[in-house]
Amino acid sequence: MIGKITGRVDYRGADHVLVDVQGVGYLVYCSDRTLAGLPPRGGIVALYTDLLVREDNLQLFGFPTLAEREWHKLLTRVQGVGAKAALAIAGTLGTEGVSRAIALGDVAAIKSAPGVGPKLAQRVVAELKDKAPAIMAMGDAGAARAEAHGDAVIEPLVADVAVAERPKANPSSANAQADALSALVNLGYGQGDAAGAVAQASGDEPEAGAPQLIRAALKLLAPKA
């Protein structure tokens, strides 16, 4: 498994980049967003990668962050979402945008990615909406696990989400609020705004766990029409 490559940019194509690693060229498929952020030819680039193995082909996909790579892997677990479609979704919305869209059930946002139709967008939201909040709450800890365990990270993530979603007799409100606040800050919201939204959401649903608080807080923080 090739998990990361670091080398010089040899050339950039419409949907890929050739990275020269000590004389060996790696053709890496990237989103438009990632390609736009690469240095010019000859510059040094480091990309986290995911290797797609087929009977007649090997394709390497590259991402600037571990979070984006893990979202790509999770998206490809949805029936009908291939590697290119997952790349388009993450590339169009960004990691924070994907997290927010799925947590809020925003089918229109997912559908805005090239090549993603309404039915596929609905399936993505339906299958991942309960997984997004828990992954968002992991923050840097989740990224560290991904770097340490590579492909094996997806199964523990899904297991963690399943545990998080189970009803608990005595949920810890303080821990749930802390996890929700961490997730919102990771998404770029200010500490004050995020804390206020979490507090209001917790007041409305005192027994809610972190995933439910995140969804409710995101709705409160969404721009008002």
Protein backbone atom coordinates (compact mmCIF):
# COMPACT_ATOMS: atom_id res chain seq x y z
CA MET A 1 0.00 0.00 0.00
CA ILE A 2 1.36 3.41 -0.97
CA GLY A 3 0.12 5.76 1.74
CA LYS A 4 2.10 8.90 0.98
CA ILE A 5 4.53 10.19 -1.61
CA THR A 6 6.87 13.17 -1.55
CA GLY A 7 8.72 14.40 -4.60
CA ARG A 8 9.01 17.01 -7.34
CA VAL A 9 6.19 17.98 -9.67
CA ASP A 10 7.14 16.80 -13.17
CA TYR A 11 3.96 17.92 -14.92
CA ARG A 12 0.27 18.44 -14.32
CA GLY A 13 -2.56 17.10 -16.47
CA ALA A 14 -6.27 17.88 -16.45
CA ASP A 15 -6.97 15.42 -13.62
CA HIS A 16 -3.58 14.17 -12.49
CA VAL A 17 -0.02 15.09 -11.58
CA LEU A 18 3.23 13.22 -12.22
CA VAL A 19 5.42 13.25 -9.12
CA ASP A 20 9.10 12.38 -9.52
CA VAL A 21 10.30 10.49 -6.45
CA GLN A 22 14.05 9.93 -6.82
CA GLY A 23 13.76 9.16 -10.51
CA VAL A 24 10.52 7.15 -10.32
CA GLY A 25 7.43 8.91 -11.68
CA TYR A 26 4.12 8.37 -9.89
CA LEU A 27 0.97 9.37 -11.77
CA VAL A 28 -1.48 10.57 -9.11
CA TYR A 29 -5.11 11.50 -9.78
CA CYS A 30 -6.25 14.57 -7.84
CA SER A 31 -9.29 16.81 -7.53
CA ASP A 32 -9.36 20.22 -9.21
CA ARG A 33 -8.99 21.81 -5.78
CA THR A 34 -5.84 19.80 -5.00
CA LEU A 35 -4.31 20.41 -8.44
CA ALA A 36 -4.85 24.14 -8.08
CA GLY A 37 -2.90 24.15 -4.82
CA LEU A 38 0.15 22.31 -6.14
CA PRO A 39 3.47 24.11 -6.62
CA PRO A 40 4.76 24.78 -10.17
CA ARG A 41 6.88 22.30 -12.07
CA GLY A 42 9.99 21.39 -10.09
CA GLY A 43 8.38 22.24 -6.75
CA ILE A 44 8.23 19.78 -3.88
CA VAL A 45 4.86 18.24 -3.10
CA ALA A 46 3.68 15.76 -0.47
CA LEU A 47 0.41 13.89 -0.99
CA TYR A 48 -1.39 11.27 1.06
CA THR A 49 -2.49 8.56 -1.32
CA ASP A 50 -5.04 5.81 -1.82
CA LEU A 51 -4.25 2.97 -4.22
CA LEU A 52 -7.14 1.56 -6.26
CA VAL A 53 -6.40 -1.97 -7.46
CA ARG A 54 -8.30 -3.41 -10.41
CA GLU A 55 -7.72 -6.53 -12.46
CA ASP A 56 -6.21 -4.61 -15.35
CA ASN A 57 -5.17 -1.33 -13.78
CA LEU A 58 -3.66 0.38 -10.75
CA GLN A 59 -4.65 3.96 -9.98
CA LEU A 60 -3.19 6.21 -7.33
CA PHE A 61 -5.29 9.04 -5.88
CA GLY A 62 -3.69 11.91 -3.99
CA PHE A 63 -4.89 14.23 -1.21
CA PRO A 64 -3.29 17.16 0.64
CA THR A 65 -4.63 16.05 4.05
CA LEU A 66 -5.38 12.81 5.86
CA ALA A 67 -8.94 13.96 6.51
CA GLU A 68 -9.62 14.33 2.79
CA ARG A 69 -8.17 10.90 2.10
CA GLU A 70 -10.33 9.27 4.76
CA TRP A 71 -13.46 11.01 3.46
CA HIS A 72 -12.58 9.74 -0.01
CA LYS A 73 -12.35 6.18 1.32
CA LEU A 74 -15.64 6.51 3.17
CA LEU A 75 -17.43 7.95 0.14
CA THR A 76 -16.30 5.03 -2.03
CA ARG A 77 -17.99 2.66 0.41
CA VAL A 78 -21.34 4.00 -0.79
CA GLN A 79 -22.84 1.86 -3.55
CA GLY A 80 -22.44 3.55 -6.91
CA VAL A 81 -19.75 6.00 -5.80
CA GLY A 82 -16.54 5.25 -7.65
CA ALA A 83 -13.14 6.74 -6.93
CA LYS A 84 -13.60 9.52 -9.50
CA ALA A 85 -17.03 10.49 -8.11
CA ALA A 86 -15.67 10.56 -4.55
CA LEU A 87 -12.79 12.73 -5.77
CA ALA A 88 -15.27 15.10 -7.40
CA ILE A 89 -17.38 15.41 -4.23
CA ALA A 90 -14.43 16.11 -1.93
CA GLY A 91 -12.80 18.35 -4.51
CA THR A 92 -15.92 20.44 -5.04
CA LEU A 93 -16.93 20.88 -1.41
CA GLY A 94 -13.70 20.45 0.52
CA THR A 95 -13.44 18.36 3.67
CA GLU A 96 -15.43 20.81 5.79
CA GLY A 97 -18.08 21.18 3.10
CA VAL A 98 -18.55 17.43 2.76
CA SER A 99 -18.83 17.03 6.53
CA ARG A 100 -21.34 19.85 6.82
CA ALA A 101 -23.43 18.75 3.82
CA ILE A 102 -23.74 15.15 4.98
CA ALA A 103 -24.39 16.07 8.61
CA LEU A 104 -27.18 18.44 7.55
CA GLY A 105 -28.57 16.13 4.86
CA ASP A 106 -27.84 18.72 2.17
CA VAL A 107 -28.43 16.64 -0.97
CA ALA A 108 -28.17 19.69 -3.22
CA ALA A 109 -24.60 20.36 -2.07
CA ILE A 110 -23.50 16.79 -2.80
CA LYS A 111 -25.29 16.93 -6.16
CA SER A 112 -23.26 20.02 -7.12
CA ALA A 113 -20.19 17.81 -7.68
CA PRO A 114 -19.58 16.98 -11.36
CA GLY A 115 -21.01 13.61 -12.39
CA VAL A 116 -23.13 13.18 -9.25
CA GLY A 117 -26.85 12.87 -9.94
CA PRO A 118 -29.74 13.40 -7.51
CA LYS A 119 -30.25 9.70 -6.71
CA LEU A 120 -26.58 9.14 -5.97
CA ALA A 121 -26.44 12.30 -3.86
CA GLN A 122 -29.43 11.10 -1.83
CA ARG A 123 -27.76 7.73 -1.30
CA VAL A 124 -24.55 9.38 -0.09
CA VAL A 125 -26.44 11.46 2.47
CA ALA A 126 -28.64 8.56 3.59
CA GLU A 127 -25.75 6.15 4.11
CA LEU A 128 -23.26 8.56 5.67
CA LYS A 129 -25.37 11.06 7.63
CA ASP A 130 -24.95 9.13 10.89
CA LYS A 131 -21.21 8.64 10.34
CA ALA A 132 -20.25 12.25 9.59
CA PRO A 133 -20.72 13.75 13.08
CA ALA A 134 -18.59 11.14 14.83
CA ILE A 135 -15.78 11.50 12.29
CA MET A 136 -15.92 15.29 12.56
CA ALA A 137 -15.65 15.05 16.34
CA MET A 138 -12.45 13.02 16.11
CA GLY A 139 -10.51 15.99 14.76
CA ASP A 140 -6.73 15.56 14.85
CA ALA A 141 -7.03 12.31 16.79
CA GLY A 142 -8.83 10.69 13.89
CA ALA A 143 -6.15 11.88 11.49
CA ALA A 144 -3.45 10.43 13.70
CA ARG A 145 -5.22 7.06 13.72
CA ALA A 146 -5.50 7.17 9.95
CA GLU A 147 -1.78 7.84 9.56
CA ALA A 148 -0.90 5.05 11.97
CA HIS A 149 -3.23 2.38 10.61
CA GLY A 150 -3.79 3.20 6.93
CA ASP A 151 -6.63 1.23 5.29
CA ALA A 152 -7.59 -0.37 8.59
CA VAL A 153 -8.86 2.96 9.87
CA ILE A 154 -12.23 2.87 8.10
CA GLU A 155 -13.59 -0.16 9.95
CA PRO A 156 -12.79 1.27 13.42
CA LEU A 157 -14.33 4.57 12.38
CA VAL A 158 -17.55 2.88 11.38
CA ALA A 159 -17.53 0.85 14.60
CA ASP A 160 -16.97 4.00 16.66
CA VAL A 161 -19.91 5.66 14.93
CA ALA A 162 -22.16 2.71 15.58
CA VAL A 163 -21.29 2.83 19.28
CA ALA A 164 -21.82 6.59 19.36
CA GLU A 165 -25.29 6.22 17.84
CA ARG A 166 -26.52 3.56 20.25
CA PRO A 167 -28.99 4.81 22.87
CA LYS A 168 -27.31 5.10 26.29
CA ALA A 169 -29.05 4.92 29.60
CA ASN A 170 -26.94 7.69 31.19
CA PRO A 171 -25.16 9.70 28.50
CA SER A 172 -22.48 12.13 29.65
CA SER A 173 -23.80 15.55 28.67
CA ALA A 174 -20.49 17.27 29.37
CA ASN A 175 -18.51 14.90 27.17
CA ALA A 176 -21.07 15.13 24.38
CA GLN A 177 -20.94 18.92 24.46
CA ALA A 178 -17.13 18.91 24.46
CA ASP A 179 -17.01 16.57 21.46
CA ALA A 180 -19.59 18.63 19.58
CA LEU A 181 -17.71 21.86 20.31
CA SER A 182 -14.43 20.32 19.11
CA ALA A 183 -16.08 19.18 15.86
CA LEU A 184 -17.52 22.64 15.13
CA VAL A 185 -14.19 24.34 15.82
CA ASN A 186 -12.51 21.84 13.48
CA LEU A 187 -14.97 22.98 10.82
CA GLY A 188 -13.81 26.56 11.21
CA TYR A 189 -16.50 28.07 13.43
CA GLY A 190 -15.39 30.54 16.11
CA GLN A 191 -15.15 29.26 19.67
CA GLY A 192 -17.83 31.64 20.91
CA ASP A 193 -20.35 30.97 18.15
CA ALA A 194 -19.78 27.21 18.36
CA ALA A 195 -20.13 27.15 22.16
CA GLY A 196 -23.35 29.15 22.00
CA ALA A 197 -24.88 26.85 19.40
CA VAL A 198 -23.88 23.72 21.33
CA ALA A 199 -25.30 25.16 24.54
CA GLN A 200 -28.61 25.98 22.85
CA ALA A 201 -28.78 22.56 21.19
CA SER A 202 -28.02 20.86 24.51
CA GLY A 203 -30.72 22.89 26.21
CA ASP A 204 -33.26 21.78 23.62
CA GLU A 205 -32.13 18.13 23.85
CA PRO A 206 -30.50 17.48 27.25
CA GLU A 207 -30.02 13.76 26.58
CA ALA A 208 -28.52 14.14 23.09
CA GLY A 209 -25.16 12.62 22.25
CA ALA A 210 -22.38 14.37 20.32
CA PRO A 211 -23.63 13.42 16.82
CA GLN A 212 -27.11 14.79 17.53
CA LEU A 213 -25.69 17.97 19.10
CA ILE A 214 -23.45 18.58 16.09
CA ARG A 215 -26.34 18.28 13.66
CA ALA A 216 -28.54 20.58 15.75
CA ALA A 217 -25.75 23.15 16.24
CA LEU A 218 -24.95 23.21 12.52
CA LYS A 219 -28.58 24.05 11.79
CA LEU A 220 -28.44 26.88 14.32
CA LEU A 221 -25.22 28.21 12.79
CA ALA A 222 -26.46 28.01 9.20
CA PRO A 223 -27.00 31.43 7.56
CA LYS A 224 -30.58 32.57 7.91
CA ALA A 225 -32.45 33.31 4.70
